Amino acid sequence: MIKSMTGFGKAEFEAFNKKFTIEIKSLNSKQIDINTRVPAIYREKDIEIRKVLSEKLTRGKIDFNIYAENLGDESNSKINESILKSYFENLKKISDDLNLITDHTTLQAALRLPDVVKTEYQTLDEDEWKVILENIIKALDDINIFREQEGKALHVDISSNIKSIQKLLTEIEPFEAKRIESLKIRLKENLDKLQINGDVDKNRFEQELIFYLEKLDINEEKVRLANHCKYFLETIEEKVPTGKKLAFISQEIGREINTIGSKANHTDIQKIVVQMKDRLERIKEQLLNVL
């Protein structure tokens, strides 16, 4: 059963006096393309995050985000009081010298000066990371469920269009005998219009006619197209990711349809070929999102 590359997974939890939100979004892509946005403290785990995402999601454009909110009163940003007081006193002295008022705006100006607010570096607690990783796995399970549900809808639509091509293929047969007969008549009429002096060698005419009709024969293309459609429906049922394989088969299907169209030389068959191409284009559009 096929999977979609589109999906969304989310995990929210509280641990170690923090509220965490993990979000994973997946869209279609030819390869695995991962973009991560995590707080600085967890960046050392970026390679591990990418490894887990690659193993679980296989392919697609992946956006991964971790949001962490501190629930306690403590903060890793501290005000350096001694430096702040020194800045404020200097600013107050300058204000007094210039006969300016010293008020709360002076303090705000001092707070924006270098080294007033310092950030203390935090080290990652491995127990905290273990909990985060467990929830990353949960979010990945959610996104895979989403992908499977989307895949079911894709499966129905794609299979329906392949079966439509198979049905249209059988509708060509009634027109084939008419096509051959009309070609014979047309060639004979064109030959008569040439008003060639003397008798036409009928044996040679028959040989040339057979040769010409063989070039326009579409039986081989019909057989190959039927086999490709059958193989496509078998492949779509496989449990491993088959998106790329199905795309290759669809290319072969398109090649046979085009060849039938170029050889058809019959209005009704051309109409059927156009309908086949329409179904195939729908399939190709959907396959862009198949894992």
Foldseek 3Di string as FASTA:
>chain_A
DWWFQFFKFWDWDDDPQKTKIKIKTWFFDPFEAEDEDEPPQCVVCVVVLVVVCCVLRVGTHMYIYMDIGHRDPDFQKDFPVVQLVVQLVVLVVVCVVVVHDDDVVSSVVSCPDPPRIDGHDDHDDVVVVVVVVVRSVVRSVRGRVVRVVVLVVLLVLLLVLLVLLVVLLVVCVVCPVVQLVVVVVVVVVVVVVVVDPDDDDVVVVVVVSVVVVVQLDLPVLSVVLNVLSVVLNVQSPDPDFCLVVNLVSLVSNLVSLVSNCVSVNDDVNVVSSVSSVVSSVVNNVSSSGID
